[in-house]
Protein backbone atom coordinates (compact mmCIF):
# COMPACT_ATOMS: atom_id res chain seq x y z
CA MET A 1 243.88 -35.26 -17.20
CA ILE A 2 246.35 -37.23 -19.48
CA LEU A 3 246.26 -41.02 -19.72
CA SER A 4 249.13 -42.88 -21.24
CA HIS A 5 250.04 -46.41 -22.03
CA GLY A 6 253.44 -47.67 -23.03
CA THR A 7 255.01 -51.02 -23.80
CA LEU A 8 258.52 -52.27 -24.32
CA THR A 9 259.97 -55.77 -24.58
CA PHE A 10 263.42 -56.63 -23.25
CA PRO A 11 265.58 -59.74 -24.29
CA ALA A 12 265.61 -62.39 -21.68
CA GLN A 13 269.21 -61.79 -20.64
CA HIS A 14 268.35 -58.32 -19.46
CA LEU A 15 265.13 -59.08 -17.47
CA ASP A 16 266.59 -58.76 -13.95
CA THR A 17 268.19 -55.34 -14.90
CA ALA A 18 265.13 -54.16 -16.67
CA ARG A 19 262.99 -54.94 -13.63
CA GLN A 20 265.19 -52.93 -11.37
CA MET A 21 265.58 -50.07 -13.57
CA LEU A 22 261.75 -49.80 -14.21
CA ARG A 23 261.21 -50.04 -10.46
CA ASP A 24 263.64 -47.10 -9.86
CA LEU A 25 262.21 -45.22 -12.80
CA ALA A 26 258.68 -45.60 -11.39
CA ALA A 27 259.47 -44.66 -7.87
CA GLN A 28 261.20 -41.38 -9.00
CA THR A 29 258.49 -40.53 -11.43
CA ARG A 30 255.74 -40.95 -8.75
CA THR A 31 257.36 -38.11 -6.80
CA GLU A 32 257.20 -35.61 -9.72
CA GLU A 33 254.79 -32.73 -9.82
CA GLY A 34 251.63 -33.60 -11.71
CA CYS A 35 252.05 -37.45 -11.70
CA LEU A 36 248.90 -38.98 -10.50
CA LEU A 37 249.73 -42.59 -11.31
CA TYR A 38 252.82 -44.49 -12.75
CA LEU A 39 252.41 -48.16 -12.75
CA VAL A 40 254.79 -50.70 -14.34
CA SER A 41 253.48 -54.29 -15.01
CA GLU A 42 254.91 -57.24 -16.52
CA ASN A 43 252.82 -59.07 -19.35
CA LEU A 44 252.34 -62.56 -18.40
CA ASP A 45 251.39 -63.53 -21.86
CA THR A 46 254.50 -62.03 -23.62
CA PRO A 47 257.85 -62.83 -21.85
CA GLY A 48 259.95 -59.80 -21.25
CA GLN A 49 257.22 -57.20 -22.03
CA PHE A 50 256.30 -54.46 -19.66
CA LEU A 51 253.38 -52.18 -19.68
CA ILE A 52 253.52 -48.61 -18.30
CA THR A 53 250.25 -46.87 -17.30
CA GLU A 54 250.38 -43.30 -16.42
CA GLN A 55 248.00 -40.61 -15.33
CA TRP A 56 249.03 -36.84 -15.35
CA GLU A 57 247.35 -33.69 -14.32
CA SER A 58 248.34 -32.13 -17.78
CA MET A 59 250.32 -32.58 -20.95
CA ASP A 60 252.67 -29.97 -19.68
CA ALA A 61 253.42 -32.07 -16.65
CA MET A 62 253.87 -35.25 -18.78
CA GLN A 63 256.13 -33.30 -21.06
CA ALA A 64 258.22 -32.01 -18.23
CA HIS A 65 258.65 -35.54 -17.12
CA LEU A 66 259.87 -36.75 -20.46
CA ALA A 67 262.24 -33.93 -20.81
CA LEU A 68 264.05 -34.86 -17.73
CA PRO A 69 267.69 -36.14 -18.19
CA GLY A 70 266.87 -39.39 -16.33
CA VAL A 71 264.11 -40.30 -18.75
CA GLY A 72 266.41 -39.73 -21.74
CA GLU A 73 269.07 -41.86 -20.09
CA ALA A 74 266.57 -44.64 -19.37
CA VAL A 75 265.49 -44.58 -22.98
CA GLN A 76 269.10 -44.93 -24.12
CA ALA A 77 269.67 -47.74 -21.63
CA VAL A 78 266.71 -49.88 -22.85
CA GLN A 79 267.99 -49.33 -26.53
CA LYS A 80 271.37 -50.68 -25.52
CA MET A 81 269.70 -53.82 -23.94
CA GLY A 82 268.11 -54.41 -27.28
CA VAL A 83 264.70 -52.95 -27.03
CA ASN A 84 263.26 -51.73 -30.23
CA ASP A 85 259.68 -51.58 -29.65
CA LEU A 86 259.20 -48.91 -27.00
CA THR A 87 255.78 -47.07 -27.67
CA ILE A 88 253.90 -44.40 -25.57
CA THR A 89 250.57 -43.25 -26.55
CA ALA A 90 248.64 -40.59 -24.53
CA TRP A 91 245.12 -39.40 -24.42
CA GLU A 92 243.55 -36.35 -22.93
CA ALA A 93 240.57 -37.39 -20.87
CA GLY A 94 237.79 -35.49 -19.09
CA GLY A 95 236.63 -36.23 -15.57
CA ALA A 96 236.78 -39.68 -14.24
CA THR A 97 233.63 -41.83 -13.62
CA LYS A 98 233.77 -44.42 -10.85
CA ILE A 99 232.27 -47.59 -12.16
CA MET A 100 232.54 -49.72 -9.02
């Protein structure tokens, strides 16, 4: 399983557009083969910052997602809105252990 964490921060004037774009991207991504979780959260401590949490069946599934034209278009769109801190880090994980 692949776990991924991403962050990006939008200027205040683009927050409404960003929220809708990220909602749409999340809804589409959740339908993709190999996607186990795609969650977008807004950081309450940092205005305009969003966190993206992902779980994929495999790195191949995540790479297939990243190669889709819509993902590239979304990256270009956020850059045009002034986002310059987009980061994504992925880890390969073993089996899950339920804590509670």
